[in-house]
Amino acid sequence: MKIPRSKPDVILADTQMPGKDGYQLCAELRRDPATAHIPVVLLLGNLENLDEGRAREARATGHIKKPFDTQSLIN
């Protein structure tokens, strides 16, 4: 995985990615000590509801609906 080498300040993970979804990616990042500290914000489609149980289990930092205002993301 390239994430530990690039050392991002935050990760935006779409919950509807093909293959590994954002919940799964977040959980994987939390299991790795090199990435466990990086905030992960889940991106949801406009008509999609957050699966609160999966988000809590994955230890996501937060979530935001698309399309989103950049300032909302910064806040």
PDB file of N, CA and C in Angstrom:
ATOM      1  N   MET A   1       0.855  -1.172   0.000  1.00  0.00           N
ATOM      2  CA  MET A   1       0.000   0.000   0.000  1.00  0.00           C
ATOM      3  C   MET A   1       0.902   1.237   0.000  1.00  0.00           C
ATOM      4  N   LYS A   2       0.569   2.225  -0.807  1.00  0.00           N
ATOM      5  CA  LYS A   2       1.363   3.443  -0.945  1.00  0.00           C
ATOM      6  C   LYS A   2       1.091   4.474   0.149  1.00  0.00           C
ATOM      7  N   ILE A   3       0.018   4.339   0.856  1.00  0.00           N
ATOM      8  CA  ILE A   3      -0.380   5.349   1.838  1.00  0.00           C
ATOM      9  C   ILE A   3       0.685   5.576   2.912  1.00  0.00           C
ATOM     10  N   PRO A   4       1.277   4.535   3.526  1.00  0.00           N
ATOM     11  CA  PRO A   4       2.284   4.817   4.546  1.00  0.00           C
ATOM     12  C   PRO A   4       3.475   5.618   4.006  1.00  0.00           C
ATOM     13  N   ARG A   5       3.843   5.404   2.758  1.00  0.00           N
ATOM     14  CA  ARG A   5       4.985   6.127   2.181  1.00  0.00           C
ATOM     15  C   ARG A   5       4.649   7.577   1.877  1.00  0.00           C
ATOM     16  N   SER A   6       3.411   7.858   1.483  1.00  0.00           N
ATOM     17  CA  SER A   6       3.049   9.224   1.096  1.00  0.00           C
ATOM     18  C   SER A   6       2.678  10.097   2.298  1.00  0.00           C
ATOM     19  N   LYS A   7       2.350   9.489   3.433  1.00  0.00           N
ATOM     20  CA  LYS A   7       2.033  10.197   4.680  1.00  0.00           C
ATOM     21  C   LYS A   7       1.014  11.330   4.504  1.00  0.00           C
ATOM     22  N   PRO A   8      -0.209  11.007   4.046  1.00  0.00           N
ATOM     23  CA  PRO A   8      -1.224  12.063   3.875  1.00  0.00           C
ATOM     24  C   PRO A   8      -1.699  12.601   5.218  1.00  0.00           C
ATOM     25  N   ASP A   9      -2.185  13.850   5.192  1.00  0.00           N
ATOM     26  CA  ASP A   9      -2.739  14.472   6.394  1.00  0.00           C
ATOM     27  C   ASP A   9      -4.144  13.977   6.682  1.00  0.00           C
ATOM     28  N   VAL A  10      -4.865  13.599   5.635  1.00  0.00           N
ATOM     29  CA  VAL A  10      -6.232  13.095   5.751  1.00  0.00           C
ATOM     30  C   VAL A  10      -6.507  12.223   4.532  1.00  0.00           C
ATOM     31  N   ILE A  11      -7.408  11.268   4.686  1.00  0.00           N
ATOM     32  CA  ILE A  11      -7.797  10.389   3.580  1.00  0.00           C
ATOM     33  C   ILE A  11      -9.292  10.523   3.374  1.00  0.00           C
ATOM     34  N   LEU A  12      -9.685  10.774   2.128  1.00  0.00           N
ATOM     35  CA  LEU A  12     -11.098  10.791   1.745  1.00  0.00           C
ATOM     36  C   LEU A  12     -11.379   9.466   1.065  1.00  0.00           C
ATOM     37  N   ALA A  13     -12.301   8.710   1.600  1.00  0.00           N
ATOM     38  CA  ALA A  13     -12.594   7.375   1.081  1.00  0.00           C
ATOM     39  C   ALA A  13     -14.066   7.263   0.711  1.00  0.00           C
ATOM     40  N   ASP A  14     -14.322   7.059  -0.564  1.00  0.00           N
ATOM     41  CA  ASP A  14     -15.690   6.918  -1.056  1.00  0.00           C
ATOM     42  C   ASP A  14     -16.263   5.585  -0.600  1.00  0.00           C
ATOM     43  N   THR A  15     -17.463   5.614  -0.055  1.00  0.00           N
ATOM     44  CA  THR A  15     -18.084   4.384   0.432  1.00  0.00           C
ATOM     45  C   THR A  15     -18.550   3.481  -0.702  1.00  0.00           C
ATOM     46  N   GLN A  16     -18.574   3.980  -1.925  1.00  0.00           N
ATOM     47  CA  GLN A  16     -19.064   3.193  -3.055  1.00  0.00           C
ATOM     48  C   GLN A  16     -17.960   2.861  -4.062  1.00  0.00           C
ATOM     49  N   MET A  17     -16.729   2.684  -3.620  1.00  0.00           N
ATOM     50  CA  MET A  17     -15.651   2.318  -4.533  1.00  0.00           C
ATOM     51  C   MET A  17     -15.815   0.866  -4.970  1.00  0.00           C
ATOM     52  N   PRO A  18     -15.427   0.555  -6.190  1.00  0.00           N
ATOM     53  CA  PRO A  18     -15.462  -0.844  -6.620  1.00  0.00           C
ATOM     54  C   PRO A  18     -14.372  -1.636  -5.899  1.00  0.00           C
ATOM     55  N   GLY A  19     -14.636  -2.880  -5.636  1.00  0.00           N
ATOM     56  CA  GLY A  19     -13.651  -3.690  -4.925  1.00  0.00           C
ATOM     57  C   GLY A  19     -13.745  -3.424  -3.439  1.00  0.00           C
ATOM     58  N   LYS A  20     -12.781  -2.710  -2.898  1.00  0.00           N
ATOM     59  CA  LYS A  20     -12.738  -2.378  -1.475  1.00  0.00           C
ATOM     60  C   LYS A  20     -13.461  -1.044  -1.276  1.00  0.00           C
ATOM     61  N   ASP A  21     -14.526  -1.035  -0.469  1.00  0.00           N
ATOM     62  CA  ASP A  21     -15.237   0.231  -0.252  1.00  0.00           C
ATOM     63  C   ASP A  21     -14.558   1.054   0.842  1.00  0.00           C
ATOM     64  N   GLY A  22     -15.029   2.255   1.059  1.00  0.00           N
ATOM     65  CA  GLY A  22     -14.414   3.162   2.018  1.00  0.00           C
ATOM     66  C   GLY A  22     -14.414   2.631   3.440  1.00  0.00           C
ATOM     67  N   TYR A  23     -15.456   1.916   3.827  1.00  0.00           N
ATOM     68  CA  TYR A  23     -15.505   1.335   5.162  1.00  0.00           C
ATOM     69  C   TYR A  23     -14.373   0.308   5.335  1.00  0.00           C
ATOM     70  N   GLN A  24     -14.215  -0.539   4.313  1.00  0.00           N
ATOM     71  CA  GLN A  24     -13.176  -1.568   4.362  1.00  0.00           C
ATOM     72  C   GLN A  24     -11.781  -0.947   4.353  1.00  0.00           C
ATOM     73  N   LEU A  25     -11.583   0.073   3.517  1.00  0.00           N
ATOM     74  CA  LEU A  25     -10.298   0.750   3.460  1.00  0.00           C
ATOM     75  C   LEU A  25      -9.968   1.375   4.810  1.00  0.00           C
ATOM     76  N   CYS A  26     -10.930   2.038   5.408  1.00  0.00           N
ATOM     77  CA  CYS A  26     -10.727   2.671   6.707  1.00  0.00           C
ATOM     78  C   CYS A  26     -10.338   1.632   7.757  1.00  0.00           C
ATOM     79  N   ALA A  27     -11.038   0.531   7.809  1.00  0.00           N
ATOM     80  CA  ALA A  27     -10.735  -0.526   8.784  1.00  0.00           C
ATOM     81  C   ALA A  27      -9.320  -1.063   8.570  1.00  0.00           C
ATOM     82  N   GLU A  28      -8.932  -1.237   7.319  1.00  0.00           N
ATOM     83  CA  GLU A  28      -7.582  -1.715   7.011  1.00  0.00           C
ATOM     84  C   GLU A  28      -6.525  -0.709   7.472  1.00  0.00           C
ATOM     85  N   LEU A  29      -6.782   0.560   7.239  1.00  0.00           N
ATOM     86  CA  LEU A  29      -5.843   1.598   7.662  1.00  0.00           C
ATOM     87  C   LEU A  29      -5.707   1.633   9.183  1.00  0.00           C
ATOM     88  N   ARG A  30      -6.793   1.407   9.891  1.00  0.00           N
ATOM     89  CA  ARG A  30      -6.772   1.428  11.357  1.00  0.00           C
ATOM     90  C   ARG A  30      -5.980   0.254  11.941  1.00  0.00           C
ATOM     91  N   ARG A  31      -5.926  -0.855  11.220  1.00  0.00           N
ATOM     92  CA  ARG A  31      -5.190  -2.027  11.706  1.00  0.00           C
ATOM     93  C   ARG A  31      -3.677  -1.874  11.547  1.00  0.00           C
ATOM     94  N   ASP A  32      -3.234  -0.957  10.704  1.00  0.00           N
ATOM     95  CA  ASP A  32      -1.805  -0.765  10.439  1.00  0.00           C
ATOM     96  C   ASP A  32      -1.282   0.382  11.306  1.00  0.00           C
ATOM     97  N   PRO A  33      -0.327   0.118  12.191  1.00  0.00           N
ATOM     98  CA  PRO A  33       0.198   1.186  13.048  1.00  0.00           C
ATOM     99  C   PRO A  33       0.761   2.379  12.269  1.00  0.00           C
ATOM    100  N   ALA A  34       1.220   2.153  11.051  1.00  0.00           N
ATOM    101  CA  ALA A  34       1.781   3.240  10.245  1.00  0.00           C
ATOM    102  C   ALA A  34       0.713   4.193   9.722  1.00  0.00           C
ATOM    103  N   THR A  35      -0.548   3.764   9.687  1.00  0.00           N
ATOM    104  CA  THR A  35      -1.622   4.598   9.142  1.00  0.00           C
ATOM    105  C   THR A  35      -2.781   4.802  10.112  1.00  0.00           C
ATOM    106  N   ALA A  36      -2.743   4.164  11.261  1.00  0.00           N
ATOM    107  CA  ALA A  36      -3.867   4.204  12.202  1.00  0.00           C
ATOM    108  C   ALA A  36      -4.203   5.616  12.678  1.00  0.00           C
ATOM    109  N   HIS A  37      -3.240   6.513  12.675  1.00  0.00           N
ATOM    110  CA  HIS A  37      -3.431   7.877  13.183  1.00  0.00           C
ATOM    111  C   HIS A  37      -4.012   8.842  12.149  1.00  0.00           C
ATOM    112  N   ILE A  38      -4.055   8.442  10.880  1.00  0.00           N
ATOM    113  CA  ILE A  38      -4.497   9.334   9.807  1.00  0.00           C
ATOM    114  C   ILE A  38      -6.028   9.450   9.827  1.00  0.00           C
ATOM    115  N   PRO A  39      -6.556  10.672   9.883  1.00  0.00           N
ATOM    116  CA  PRO A  39      -8.012  10.829   9.835  1.00  0.00           C
ATOM    117  C   PRO A  39      -8.581  10.306   8.505  1.00  0.00           C
ATOM    118  N   VAL A  40      -9.684   9.582   8.585  1.00  0.00           N
ATOM    119  CA  VAL A  40     -10.356   9.058   7.394  1.00  0.00           C
ATOM    120  C   VAL A  40     -11.778   9.603   7.379  1.00  0.00           C
ATOM    121  N   VAL A  41     -12.095  10.345   6.318  1.00  0.00           N
ATOM    122  CA  VAL A  41     -13.430  10.898   6.137  1.00  0.00           C
ATOM    123  C   VAL A  41     -14.108  10.100   5.026  1.00  0.00           C
ATOM    124  N   LEU A  42     -15.252   9.532   5.339  1.00  0.00           N
ATOM    125  CA  LEU A  42     -16.008   8.763   4.358  1.00  0.00           C
ATOM    126  C   LEU A  42     -16.834   9.709   3.494  1.00  0.00           C
ATOM    127  N   LEU A  43     -16.803   9.487   2.187  1.00  0.00           N
ATOM    128  CA  LEU A  43     -17.591  10.278   1.242  1.00  0.00           C
ATOM    129  C   LEU A  43     -18.822   9.488   0.841  1.00  0.00           C
ATOM    130  N   LEU A  44     -19.983  10.108   1.005  1.00  0.00           N
ATOM    131  CA  LEU A  44     -21.258   9.460   0.697  1.00  0.00           C
ATOM    132  C   LEU A  44     -21.913  10.117  -0.497  1.00  0.00           C
ATOM    133  N   GLY A  45     -22.575   9.323  -1.318  1.00  0.00           N
ATOM    134  CA  GLY A  45     -23.380   9.873  -2.388  1.00  0.00           C
ATOM    135  C   GLY A  45     -24.524  10.691  -1.817  1.00  0.00           C
ATOM    136  N   ASN A  46     -25.023  11.630  -2.583  1.00  0.00           N
ATOM    137  CA  ASN A  46     -26.076  12.545  -2.128  1.00  0.00           C
ATOM    138  C   ASN A  46     -27.307  11.811  -1.593  1.00  0.00           C
ATOM    139  N   LEU A  47     -27.652  10.681  -2.189  1.00  0.00           N
ATOM    140  CA  LEU A  47     -28.844   9.933  -1.770  1.00  0.00           C
ATOM    141  C   LEU A  47     -28.504   8.747  -0.872  1.00  0.00           C
ATOM    142  N   GLU A  48     -27.253   8.622  -0.486  1.00  0.00           N
ATOM    143  CA  GLU A  48     -26.789   7.495   0.315  1.00  0.00           C
ATOM    144  C   GLU A  48     -26.813   7.850   1.805  1.00  0.00           C
ATOM    145  N   ASN A  49     -27.199   6.897   2.612  1.00  0.00           N
ATOM    146  CA  ASN A  49     -27.170   7.084   4.063  1.00  0.00           C
ATOM    147  C   ASN A  49     -25.922   6.428   4.640  1.00  0.00           C
ATOM    148  N   LEU A  50     -25.369   7.043   5.646  1.00  0.00           N
ATOM    149  CA  LEU A  50     -24.218   6.490   6.336  1.00  0.00           C
ATOM    150  C   LEU A  50     -24.633   5.219   7.071  1.00  0.00           C
ATOM    151  N   ASP A  51     -23.834   4.176   6.922  1.00  0.00           N
ATOM    152  CA  ASP A  51     -24.026   2.966   7.714  1.00  0.00           C
ATOM    153  C   ASP A  51     -23.258   3.206   9.010  1.00  0.00           C
ATOM    154  N   GLU A  52     -23.963   3.720  10.013  1.00  0.00           N
ATOM    155  CA  GLU A  52     -23.316   4.140  11.255  1.00  0.00           C
ATOM    156  C   GLU A  52     -22.571   3.009  11.946  1.00  0.00           C
ATOM    157  N   GLY A  53     -23.115   1.816  11.896  1.00  0.00           N
ATOM    158  CA  GLY A  53     -22.454   0.668  12.515  1.00  0.00           C
ATOM    159  C   GLY A  53     -21.129   0.355  11.848  1.00  0.00           C
ATOM    160  N   ARG A  54     -21.131   0.320  10.522  1.00  0.00           N
ATOM    161  CA  ARG A  54     -19.883   0.045   9.792  1.00  0.00           C
ATOM    162  C   ARG A  54     -18.879   1.171   9.978  1.00  0.00           C
ATOM    163  N   ALA A  55     -19.341   2.418   9.990  1.00  0.00           N
ATOM    164  CA  ALA A  55     -18.443   3.560  10.179  1.00  0.00           C
ATOM    165  C   ALA A  55     -17.805   3.507  11.567  1.00  0.00           C
ATOM    166  N   ARG A  56     -18.592   3.183  12.566  1.00  0.00           N
ATOM    167  CA  ARG A  56     -18.083   3.083  13.938  1.00  0.00           C
ATOM    168  C   ARG A  56     -17.100   1.922  14.048  1.00  0.00           C
ATOM    169  N   GLU A  57     -17.462   0.792  13.461  1.00  0.00           N
ATOM    170  CA  GLU A  57     -16.602  -0.390  13.500  1.00  0.00           C
ATOM    171  C   GLU A  57     -15.265  -0.122  12.786  1.00  0.00           C
ATOM    172  N   ALA A  58     -15.313   0.619  11.691  1.00  0.00           N
ATOM    173  CA  ALA A  58     -14.096   0.949  10.935  1.00  0.00           C
ATOM    174  C   ALA A  58     -13.302   2.072  11.597  1.00  0.00           C
ATOM    175  N   ARG A  59     -13.933   2.746  12.560  1.00  0.00           N
ATOM    176  CA  ARG A  59     -13.341   3.880  13.287  1.00  0.00           C
ATOM    177  C   ARG A  59     -13.064   5.060  12.347  1.00  0.00           C
ATOM    178  N   ALA A  60     -14.038   5.348  11.497  1.00  0.00           N
ATOM    179  CA  ALA A  60     -13.940   6.515  10.613  1.00  0.00           C
ATOM    180  C   ALA A  60     -13.951   7.786  11.451  1.00  0.00           C
ATOM    181  N   THR A  61     -13.220   8.781  10.980  1.00  0.00           N
ATOM    182  CA  THR A  61     -13.145  10.058  11.687  1.00  0.00           C
ATOM    183  C   THR A  61     -14.427  10.860  11.510  1.00  0.00           C
ATOM    184  N   GLY A  62     -15.025  10.745  10.337  1.00  0.00           N
ATOM    185  CA  GLY A  62     -16.244  11.482  10.045  1.00  0.00           C
ATOM    186  C   GLY A  62     -16.754  11.111   8.667  1.00  0.00           C
ATOM    187  N   HIS A  63     -17.744  11.858   8.208  1.00  0.00           N
ATOM    188  CA  HIS A  63     -18.293  11.618   6.874  1.00  0.00           C
ATOM    189  C   HIS A  63     -18.798  12.932   6.297  1.00  0.00           C
ATOM    190  N   ILE A  64     -18.931  12.960   4.979  1.00  0.00           N
ATOM    191  CA  ILE A  64     -19.454  14.129   4.283  1.00  0.00           C
ATOM    192  C   ILE A  64     -20.157  13.646   3.022  1.00  0.00           C
ATOM    193  N   LYS A  65     -21.253  14.318   2.684  1.00  0.00           N
ATOM    194  CA  LYS A  65     -22.018  13.946   1.481  1.00  0.00           C
ATOM    195  C   LYS A  65     -21.495  14.694   0.262  1.00  0.00           C
ATOM    196  N   LYS A  66     -21.504  13.993  -0.881  1.00  0.00           N
ATOM    197  CA  LYS A  66     -21.139  14.611  -2.152  1.00  0.00           C
ATOM    198  C   LYS A  66     -22.406  15.128  -2.821  1.00  0.00           C
ATOM    199  N   PRO A  67     -22.354  16.148  -3.594  1.00  0.00           N
ATOM    200  CA  PRO A  67     -21.198  17.033  -3.726  1.00  0.00           C
ATOM    201  C   PRO A  67     -21.060  17.859  -2.456  1.00  0.00           C
ATOM    202  N   PHE A  68     -19.847  18.249  -2.156  1.00  0.00           N
ATOM    203  CA  PHE A  68     -19.608  18.993  -0.927  1.00  0.00           C
ATOM    204  C   PHE A  68     -18.894  20.293  -1.213  1.00  0.00           C
ATOM    205  N   ASP A  69     -19.072  21.218  -0.335  1.00  0.00           N
ATOM    206  CA  ASP A  69     -18.395  22.496  -0.398  1.00  0.00           C
ATOM    207  C   ASP A  69     -17.006  22.312   0.220  1.00  0.00           C
ATOM    208  N   THR A  70     -15.990  22.802  -0.449  1.00  0.00           N
ATOM    209  CA  THR A  70     -14.627  22.645   0.026  1.00  0.00           C
ATOM    210  C   THR A  70     -14.461  23.177   1.445  1.00  0.00           C
ATOM    211  N   GLN A  71     -15.074  24.301   1.748  1.00  0.00           N
ATOM    212  CA  GLN A  71     -14.952  24.873   3.086  1.00  0.00           C
ATOM    213  C   GLN A  71     -15.566  23.953   4.140  1.00  0.00           C
ATOM    214  N   SER A  72     -16.643  23.269   3.798  1.00  0.00           N
ATOM    215  CA  SER A  72     -17.240  22.300   4.724  1.00  0.00           C
ATOM    216  C   SER A  72     -16.258  21.185   5.043  1.00  0.00           C
ATOM    217  N   LEU A  73     -15.547  20.753   4.046  1.00  0.00           N
ATOM    218  CA  LEU A  73     -14.560  19.709   4.247  1.00  0.00           C
ATOM    219  C   LEU A  73     -13.440  20.201   5.149  1.00  0.00           C
ATOM    220  N   ILE A  74     -12.969  21.402   4.924  1.00  0.00           N
ATOM    221  CA  ILE A  74     -11.895  21.969   5.747  1.00  0.00           C
ATOM    222  C   ILE A  74     -12.350  22.105   7.198  1.00  0.00           C
ATOM    223  N   ASN A  75     -13.593  22.559   7.377  1.00  0.00           N
ATOM    224  CA  ASN A  75     -14.124  22.697   8.739  1.00  0.00           C
ATOM    225  C   ASN A  75     -14.219  21.352   9.419  1.00  0.00           C
TER     226      ASN A  75
END
